[in-house]
Every structure is written in C-alpha cells, then in structure tokens.
Amino acid sequence: MPDTVSELDARKIPHQQRHETIFRTYDNLKVGESFILINDHDPKPLRYQMAAVLQGDKFSWEYLEEGPNVWKVQIGKNS
C-alpha cells in the first residue's frame, strides 16, 4: 500500500472545482505516495474519469469506508 501523504475532503470544495482539485492533488504525488479522498457519495465516476485520463494502472484505488454518509478512498500514484 502506498504511503499516505494527506487527506482531501471533497465535501469542502465547490462542486465545479472538485475533479480539477483531485487531479491536481494526484499530480503532486510522488510515485508510491497516496492521499485519502473523503466524499459524501461514492466517487465511482471519478474513478472512471481517472482510468480514462491516466490509462493503464498508473493509480491505485482502495475504498476505506463506503457510506452511507461518508466515503473514503485511498488513491495512490503507481507510476
């Protein structure tokens, strides 16, 4: 499991800026690092977007908590 460097609470980010902020947080990671995304709903659409943009297995995705009110996902940078 990658080293966790921070938590990002998407609930505090304006909706129109969430994905941009999450991608910027991911881009700032070093290989082998990760962050924990906290959200008020399942961020599955984000996972699909990351897979389409990043292609391959450049990131890891592990649910740490799955609702119903809070979702936590550890997102890591593999390469």
PDB file of N, CA and C in Angstrom:
ATOM      1  N   MET A   1       0.851  -1.183   0.000  1.00  0.00           N
ATOM      2  CA  MET A   1       0.000   0.000   0.000  1.00  0.00           C
ATOM      3  C   MET A   1       0.894   1.243   0.000  1.00  0.00           C
ATOM      4  N   PRO A   2       0.560   2.238  -0.820  1.00  0.00           N
ATOM      5  CA  PRO A   2       1.377   3.460  -0.887  1.00  0.00           C
ATOM      6  C   PRO A   2       1.355   4.237   0.425  1.00  0.00           C
ATOM      7  N   ASP A   3       2.378   5.046   0.642  1.00  0.00           N
ATOM      8  CA  ASP A   3       2.419   5.935   1.797  1.00  0.00           C
ATOM      9  C   ASP A   3       1.381   7.037   1.623  1.00  0.00           C
ATOM     10  N   THR A   4       0.608   7.286   2.677  1.00  0.00           N
ATOM     11  CA  THR A   4      -0.400   8.338   2.627  1.00  0.00           C
ATOM     12  C   THR A   4       0.231   9.667   3.014  1.00  0.00           C
ATOM     13  N   VAL A   5       0.004  10.683   2.192  1.00  0.00           N
ATOM     14  CA  VAL A   5       0.600  11.990   2.465  1.00  0.00           C
ATOM     15  C   VAL A   5      -0.409  13.016   2.966  1.00  0.00           C
ATOM     16  N   SER A   6      -1.708  12.817   2.680  1.00  0.00           N
ATOM     17  CA  SER A   6      -2.682  13.808   3.114  1.00  0.00           C
ATOM     18  C   SER A   6      -4.101  13.278   2.932  1.00  0.00           C
ATOM     19  N   GLU A   7      -5.043  14.055   3.435  1.00  0.00           N
ATOM     20  CA  GLU A   7      -6.454  13.804   3.188  1.00  0.00           C
ATOM     21  C   GLU A   7      -7.008  14.995   2.415  1.00  0.00           C
ATOM     22  N   LEU A   8      -7.941  14.707   1.518  1.00  0.00           N
ATOM     23  CA  LEU A   8      -8.613  15.751   0.752  1.00  0.00           C
ATOM     24  C   LEU A   8     -10.109  15.566   0.951  1.00  0.00           C
ATOM     25  N   ASP A   9     -10.744  16.524   1.601  1.00  0.00           N
ATOM     26  CA  ASP A   9     -12.175  16.456   1.872  1.00  0.00           C
ATOM     27  C   ASP A   9     -12.917  17.172   0.747  1.00  0.00           C
ATOM     28  N   ALA A  10     -13.427  16.395  -0.193  1.00  0.00           N
ATOM     29  CA  ALA A  10     -14.112  16.970  -1.357  1.00  0.00           C
ATOM     30  C   ALA A  10     -15.409  17.662  -0.979  1.00  0.00           C
ATOM     31  N   ARG A  11     -15.947  17.338   0.175  1.00  0.00           N
ATOM     32  CA  ARG A  11     -17.195  17.977   0.616  1.00  0.00           C
ATOM     33  C   ARG A  11     -17.012  19.471   0.824  1.00  0.00           C
ATOM     34  N   LYS A  12     -15.779  19.912   1.027  1.00  0.00           N
ATOM     35  CA  LYS A  12     -15.492  21.326   1.292  1.00  0.00           C
ATOM     36  C   LYS A  12     -15.096  22.092   0.035  1.00  0.00           C
ATOM     37  N   ILE A  13     -15.073  21.410  -1.100  1.00  0.00           N
ATOM     38  CA  ILE A  13     -14.650  22.028  -2.366  1.00  0.00           C
ATOM     39  C   ILE A  13     -15.885  22.315  -3.209  1.00  0.00           C
ATOM     40  N   PRO A  14     -16.005  23.500  -3.804  1.00  0.00           N
ATOM     41  CA  PRO A  14     -17.148  23.765  -4.686  1.00  0.00           C
ATOM     42  C   PRO A  14     -17.256  22.683  -5.761  1.00  0.00           C
ATOM     43  N   HIS A  15     -18.466  22.258  -6.024  1.00  0.00           N
ATOM     44  CA  HIS A  15     -18.701  21.119  -6.922  1.00  0.00           C
ATOM     45  C   HIS A  15     -17.973  21.253  -8.260  1.00  0.00           C
ATOM     46  N   GLN A  16     -18.009  22.423  -8.861  1.00  0.00           N
ATOM     47  CA  GLN A  16     -17.402  22.617 -10.180  1.00  0.00           C
ATOM     48  C   GLN A  16     -15.880  22.549 -10.153  1.00  0.00           C
ATOM     49  N   GLN A  17     -15.268  22.551  -8.969  1.00  0.00           N
ATOM     50  CA  GLN A  17     -13.810  22.505  -8.846  1.00  0.00           C
ATOM     51  C   GLN A  17     -13.291  21.177  -8.303  1.00  0.00           C
ATOM     52  N   ARG A  18     -14.183  20.258  -7.977  1.00  0.00           N
ATOM     53  CA  ARG A  18     -13.769  19.027  -7.295  1.00  0.00           C
ATOM     54  C   ARG A  18     -12.805  18.183  -8.119  1.00  0.00           C
ATOM     55  N   HIS A  19     -13.193  17.791  -9.314  1.00  0.00           N
ATOM     56  CA  HIS A  19     -12.341  16.884 -10.088  1.00  0.00           C
ATOM     57  C   HIS A  19     -11.002  17.535 -10.419  1.00  0.00           C
ATOM     58  N   GLU A  20     -11.024  18.804 -10.755  1.00  0.00           N
ATOM     59  CA  GLU A  20      -9.771  19.522 -11.043  1.00  0.00           C
ATOM     60  C   GLU A  20      -8.851  19.496  -9.823  1.00  0.00           C
ATOM     61  N   THR A  21      -9.403  19.729  -8.645  1.00  0.00           N
ATOM     62  CA  THR A  21      -8.615  19.726  -7.411  1.00  0.00           C
ATOM     63  C   THR A  21      -8.082  18.334  -7.106  1.00  0.00           C
ATOM     64  N   ILE A  22      -8.902  17.331  -7.319  1.00  0.00           N
ATOM     65  CA  ILE A  22      -8.478  15.955  -7.061  1.00  0.00           C
ATOM     66  C   ILE A  22      -7.354  15.557  -8.012  1.00  0.00           C
ATOM     67  N   PHE A  23      -7.489  15.882  -9.286  1.00  0.00           N
ATOM     68  CA  PHE A  23      -6.431  15.563 -10.250  1.00  0.00           C
ATOM     69  C   PHE A  23      -5.139  16.321  -9.922  1.00  0.00           C
ATOM     70  N   ARG A  24      -5.250  17.558  -9.488  1.00  0.00           N
ATOM     71  CA  ARG A  24      -4.067  18.330  -9.123  1.00  0.00           C
ATOM     72  C   ARG A  24      -3.380  17.698  -7.905  1.00  0.00           C
ATOM     73  N   THR A  25      -4.174  17.242  -6.950  1.00  0.00           N
ATOM     74  CA  THR A  25      -3.617  16.563  -5.777  1.00  0.00           C
ATOM     75  C   THR A  25      -2.898  15.293  -6.205  1.00  0.00           C
ATOM     76  N   TYR A  26      -3.515  14.531  -7.100  1.00  0.00           N
ATOM     77  CA  TYR A  26      -2.878  13.316  -7.615  1.00  0.00           C
ATOM     78  C   TYR A  26      -1.573  13.658  -8.348  1.00  0.00           C
ATOM     79  N   ASP A  27      -1.607  14.676  -9.202  1.00  0.00           N
ATOM     80  CA  ASP A  27      -0.419  15.060  -9.976  1.00  0.00           C
ATOM     81  C   ASP A  27       0.751  15.456  -9.077  1.00  0.00           C
ATOM     82  N   ASN A  28       0.457  16.004  -7.909  1.00  0.00           N
ATOM     83  CA  ASN A  28       1.504  16.445  -6.995  1.00  0.00           C
ATOM     84  C   ASN A  28       2.106  15.313  -6.168  1.00  0.00           C
ATOM     85  N   LEU A  29       1.528  14.122  -6.259  1.00  0.00           N
ATOM     86  CA  LEU A  29       2.089  12.977  -5.545  1.00  0.00           C
ATOM     87  C   LEU A  29       3.364  12.499  -6.218  1.00  0.00           C
ATOM     88  N   LYS A  30       4.256  11.934  -5.426  1.00  0.00           N
ATOM     89  CA  LYS A  30       5.399  11.213  -5.951  1.00  0.00           C
ATOM     90  C   LYS A  30       4.980   9.757  -6.117  1.00  0.00           C
ATOM     91  N   VAL A  31       5.653   9.029  -6.985  1.00  0.00           N
ATOM     92  CA  VAL A  31       5.363   7.609  -7.156  1.00  0.00           C
ATOM     93  C   VAL A  31       5.498   6.927  -5.795  1.00  0.00           C
ATOM     94  N   GLY A  32       4.505   6.131  -5.457  1.00  0.00           N
ATOM     95  CA  GLY A  32       4.493   5.431  -4.178  1.00  0.00           C
ATOM     96  C   GLY A  32       3.740   6.155  -3.080  1.00  0.00           C
ATOM     97  N   GLU A  33       3.288   7.385  -3.341  1.00  0.00           N
ATOM     98  CA  GLU A  33       2.505   8.134  -2.368  1.00  0.00           C
ATOM     99  C   GLU A  33       1.027   8.041  -2.702  1.00  0.00           C
ATOM    100  N   SER A  34       0.210   8.390  -1.716  1.00  0.00           N
ATOM    101  CA  SER A  34      -1.233   8.388  -1.928  1.00  0.00           C
ATOM    102  C   SER A  34      -1.874   9.474  -1.076  1.00  0.00           C
ATOM    103  N   PHE A  35      -3.143   9.711  -1.322  1.00  0.00           N
ATOM    104  CA  PHE A  35      -3.934  10.588  -0.466  1.00  0.00           C
ATOM    105  C   PHE A  35      -5.272   9.923  -0.229  1.00  0.00           C
ATOM    106  N   ILE A  36      -5.957  10.354   0.809  1.00  0.00           N
ATOM    107  CA  ILE A  36      -7.276   9.822   1.113  1.00  0.00           C
ATOM    108  C   ILE A  36      -8.303  10.864   0.708  1.00  0.00           C
ATOM    109  N   LEU A  37      -9.185  10.464  -0.182  1.00  0.00           N
ATOM    110  CA  LEU A  37     -10.282  11.312  -0.633  1.00  0.00           C
ATOM    111  C   LEU A  37     -11.486  11.036   0.252  1.00  0.00           C
ATOM    112  N   ILE A  38     -12.071  12.099   0.787  1.00  0.00           N
ATOM    113  CA  ILE A  38     -13.277  11.992   1.605  1.00  0.00           C
ATOM    114  C   ILE A  38     -14.408  12.636   0.816  1.00  0.00           C
ATOM    115  N   ASN A  39     -15.537  11.935   0.710  1.00  0.00           N
ATOM    116  CA  ASN A  39     -16.637  12.437  -0.101  1.00  0.00           C
ATOM    117  C   ASN A  39     -17.966  12.061   0.542  1.00  0.00           C
ATOM    118  N   ASP A  40     -19.045  12.727   0.102  1.00  0.00           N
ATOM    119  CA  ASP A  40     -20.377  12.447   0.641  1.00  0.00           C
ATOM    120  C   ASP A  40     -21.171  11.478  -0.233  1.00  0.00           C
ATOM    121  N   HIS A  41     -20.553  10.961  -1.284  1.00  0.00           N
ATOM    122  CA  HIS A  41     -21.179   9.957  -2.145  1.00  0.00           C
ATOM    123  C   HIS A  41     -20.072   9.104  -2.761  1.00  0.00           C
ATOM    124  N   ASP A  42     -20.454   7.993  -3.331  1.00  0.00           N
ATOM    125  CA  ASP A  42     -19.485   7.102  -3.959  1.00  0.00           C
ATOM    126  C   ASP A  42     -18.844   7.828  -5.140  1.00  0.00           C
ATOM    127  N   PRO A  43     -17.522   8.009  -5.136  1.00  0.00           N
ATOM    128  CA  PRO A  43     -16.864   8.738  -6.219  1.00  0.00           C
ATOM    129  C   PRO A  43     -16.520   7.865  -7.428  1.00  0.00           C
ATOM    130  N   LYS A  44     -17.343   6.870  -7.688  1.00  0.00           N
ATOM    131  CA  LYS A  44     -17.102   5.950  -8.796  1.00  0.00           C
ATOM    132  C   LYS A  44     -16.919   6.662 -10.137  1.00  0.00           C
ATOM    133  N   PRO A  45     -17.714   7.705 -10.478  1.00  0.00           N
ATOM    134  CA  PRO A  45     -17.480   8.409 -11.748  1.00  0.00           C
ATOM    135  C   PRO A  45     -16.061   9.002 -11.846  1.00  0.00           C
ATOM    136  N   LEU A  46     -15.518   9.449 -10.726  1.00  0.00           N
ATOM    137  CA  LEU A  46     -14.145   9.953 -10.702  1.00  0.00           C
ATOM    138  C   LEU A  46     -13.169   8.837 -11.061  1.00  0.00           C
ATOM    139  N   ARG A  47     -13.418   7.644 -10.536  1.00  0.00           N
ATOM    140  CA  ARG A  47     -12.539   6.507 -10.843  1.00  0.00           C
ATOM    141  C   ARG A  47     -12.532   6.228 -12.341  1.00  0.00           C
ATOM    142  N   TYR A  48     -13.710   6.272 -12.968  1.00  0.00           N
ATOM    143  CA  TYR A  48     -13.788   6.053 -14.416  1.00  0.00           C
ATOM    144  C   TYR A  48     -13.049   7.150 -15.174  1.00  0.00           C
ATOM    145  N   GLN A  49     -13.186   8.395 -14.713  1.00  0.00           N
ATOM    146  CA  GLN A  49     -12.502   9.505 -15.368  1.00  0.00           C
ATOM    147  C   GLN A  49     -10.986   9.360 -15.222  1.00  0.00           C
ATOM    148  N   MET A  50     -10.534   8.987 -14.044  1.00  0.00           N
ATOM    149  CA  MET A  50      -9.097   8.804 -13.837  1.00  0.00           C
ATOM    150  C   MET A  50      -8.558   7.684 -14.724  1.00  0.00           C
ATOM    151  N   ALA A  51      -9.309   6.605 -14.832  1.00  0.00           N
ATOM    152  CA  ALA A  51      -8.880   5.482 -15.679  1.00  0.00           C
ATOM    153  C   ALA A  51      -8.780   5.916 -17.138  1.00  0.00           C
ATOM    154  N   ALA A  52      -9.714   6.747 -17.589  1.00  0.00           N
ATOM    155  CA  ALA A  52      -9.706   7.208 -18.980  1.00  0.00           C
ATOM    156  C   ALA A  52      -8.557   8.180 -19.238  1.00  0.00           C
ATOM    157  N   VAL A  53      -8.307   9.068 -18.291  1.00  0.00           N
ATOM    158  CA  VAL A  53      -7.270  10.088 -18.468  1.00  0.00           C
ATOM    159  C   VAL A  53      -5.869   9.510 -18.264  1.00  0.00           C
ATOM    160  N   LEU A  54      -5.715   8.721 -17.228  1.00  0.00           N
ATOM    161  CA  LEU A  54      -4.379   8.226 -16.866  1.00  0.00           C
ATOM    162  C   LEU A  54      -3.983   6.967 -17.623  1.00  0.00           C
ATOM    163  N   GLN A  55      -4.936   6.194 -18.059  1.00  0.00           N
ATOM    164  CA  GLN A  55      -4.719   4.961 -18.832  1.00  0.00           C
ATOM    165  C   GLN A  55      -3.754   4.002 -18.143  1.00  0.00           C
ATOM    166  N   GLY A  56      -4.113   2.763 -18.150  1.00  0.00           N
ATOM    167  CA  GLY A  56      -3.280   1.749 -17.522  1.00  0.00           C
ATOM    168  C   GLY A  56      -3.473   1.727 -16.019  1.00  0.00           C
ATOM    169  N   ASP A  57      -2.489   1.200 -15.338  1.00  0.00           N
ATOM    170  CA  ASP A  57      -2.581   1.088 -13.882  1.00  0.00           C
ATOM    171  C   ASP A  57      -1.671   2.108 -13.193  1.00  0.00           C
ATOM    172  N   LYS A  58      -1.757   3.358 -13.636  1.00  0.00           N
ATOM    173  CA  LYS A  58      -0.922   4.418 -13.082  1.00  0.00           C
ATOM    174  C   LYS A  58      -1.380   4.862 -11.699  1.00  0.00           C
ATOM    175  N   PHE A  59      -2.598   4.444 -11.306  1.00  0.00           N
ATOM    176  CA  PHE A  59      -3.100   4.822  -9.991  1.00  0.00           C
ATOM    177  C   PHE A  59      -3.729   3.613  -9.317  1.00  0.00           C
ATOM    178  N   SER A  60      -3.764   3.677  -7.990  1.00  0.00           N
ATOM    179  CA  SER A  60      -4.468   2.651  -7.218  1.00  0.00           C
ATOM    180  C   SER A  60      -5.690   3.286  -6.582  1.00  0.00           C
ATOM    181  N   TRP A  61      -6.659   2.457  -6.264  1.00  0.00           N
ATOM    182  CA  TRP A  61      -7.934   2.931  -5.732  1.00  0.00           C
ATOM    183  C   TRP A  61      -8.408   1.901  -4.723  1.00  0.00           C
ATOM    184  N   GLU A  62      -8.487   2.301  -3.469  1.00  0.00           N
ATOM    185  CA  GLU A  62      -8.940   1.371  -2.435  1.00  0.00           C
ATOM    186  C   GLU A  62      -9.956   2.053  -1.538  1.00  0.00           C
ATOM    187  N   TYR A  63     -11.152   1.480  -1.479  1.00  0.00           N
ATOM    188  CA  TYR A  63     -12.170   2.004  -0.573  1.00  0.00           C
ATOM    189  C   TYR A  63     -11.769   1.699   0.867  1.00  0.00           C
ATOM    190  N   LEU A  64     -11.784   2.716   1.711  1.00  0.00           N
ATOM    191  CA  LEU A  64     -11.529   2.547   3.137  1.00  0.00           C
ATOM    192  C   LEU A  64     -12.823   2.616   3.929  1.00  0.00           C
ATOM    193  N   GLU A  65     -13.794   3.354   3.394  1.00  0.00           N
ATOM    194  CA  GLU A  65     -15.121   3.484   4.002  1.00  0.00           C
ATOM    195  C   GLU A  65     -16.123   3.684   2.877  1.00  0.00           C
ATOM    196  N   GLU A  66     -17.256   2.968   2.948  1.00  0.00           N
ATOM    197  CA  GLU A  66     -18.232   3.005   1.856  1.00  0.00           C
ATOM    198  C   GLU A  66     -19.622   3.369   2.344  1.00  0.00           C
ATOM    199  N   GLY A  67     -19.782   4.613   2.753  1.00  0.00           N
ATOM    200  CA  GLY A  67     -21.072   5.183   3.071  1.00  0.00           C
ATOM    201  C   GLY A  67     -21.750   4.571   4.285  1.00  0.00           C
ATOM    202  N   PRO A  68     -22.999   4.935   4.494  1.00  0.00           N
ATOM    203  CA  PRO A  68     -23.847   5.646   3.543  1.00  0.00           C
ATOM    204  C   PRO A  68     -23.657   7.163   3.520  1.00  0.00           C
ATOM    205  N   ASN A  69     -23.038   7.736   4.557  1.00  0.00           N
ATOM    206  CA  ASN A  69     -22.893   9.200   4.602  1.00  0.00           C
ATOM    207  C   ASN A  69     -21.512   9.685   4.197  1.00  0.00           C
ATOM    208  N   VAL A  70     -20.511   8.857   4.388  1.00  0.00           N
ATOM    209  CA  VAL A  70     -19.132   9.241   4.092  1.00  0.00           C
ATOM    210  C   VAL A  70     -18.445   8.112   3.333  1.00  0.00           C
ATOM    211  N   TRP A  71     -17.741   8.477   2.286  1.00  0.00           N
ATOM    212  CA  TRP A  71     -16.896   7.542   1.541  1.00  0.00           C
ATOM    213  C   TRP A  71     -15.467   8.027   1.691  1.00  0.00           C
ATOM    214  N   LYS A  72     -14.560   7.085   1.917  1.00  0.00           N
ATOM    215  CA  LYS A  72     -13.138   7.391   1.951  1.00  0.00           C
ATOM    216  C   LYS A  72     -12.444   6.431   0.999  1.00  0.00           C
ATOM    217  N   VAL A  73     -11.623   7.021   0.122  1.00  0.00           N
ATOM    218  CA  VAL A  73     -10.888   6.234  -0.871  1.00  0.00           C
ATOM    219  C   VAL A  73      -9.428   6.636  -0.806  1.00  0.00           C
ATOM    220  N   GLN A  74      -8.566   5.638  -0.732  1.00  0.00           N
ATOM    221  CA  GLN A  74      -7.123   5.915  -0.799  1.00  0.00           C
ATOM    222  C   GLN A  74      -6.721   5.800  -2.259  1.00  0.00           C
ATOM    223  N   ILE A  75      -6.216   6.902  -2.806  1.00  0.00           N
ATOM    224  CA  ILE A  75      -5.806   6.978  -4.209  1.00  0.00           C
ATOM    225  C   ILE A  75      -4.283   7.127  -4.232  1.00  0.00           C
ATOM    226  N   GLY A  76      -3.630   6.195  -4.900  1.00  0.00           N
ATOM    227  CA  GLY A  76      -2.177   6.194  -4.934  1.00  0.00           C
ATOM    228  C   GLY A  76      -1.633   6.377  -6.332  1.00  0.00           C
ATOM    229  N   LYS A  77      -0.392   6.824  -6.390  1.00  0.00           N
ATOM    230  CA  LYS A  77       0.302   7.018  -7.676  1.00  0.00           C
ATOM    231  C   LYS A  77       1.284   5.863  -7.866  1.00  0.00           C
ATOM    232  N   ASN A  78       1.030   5.037  -8.879  1.00  0.00           N
ATOM    233  CA  ASN A  78       1.863   3.868  -9.145  1.00  0.00           C
ATOM    234  C   ASN A  78       3.031   4.174 -10.082  1.00  0.00           C
ATOM    235  N   SER A  79       2.822   5.079 -11.015  1.00  0.00           N
ATOM    236  CA  SER A  79       3.896   5.402 -11.964  1.00  0.00           C
ATOM    237  C   SER A  79       3.681   6.768 -12.566  1.00  0.00           C
TER     238      SER A  79
END
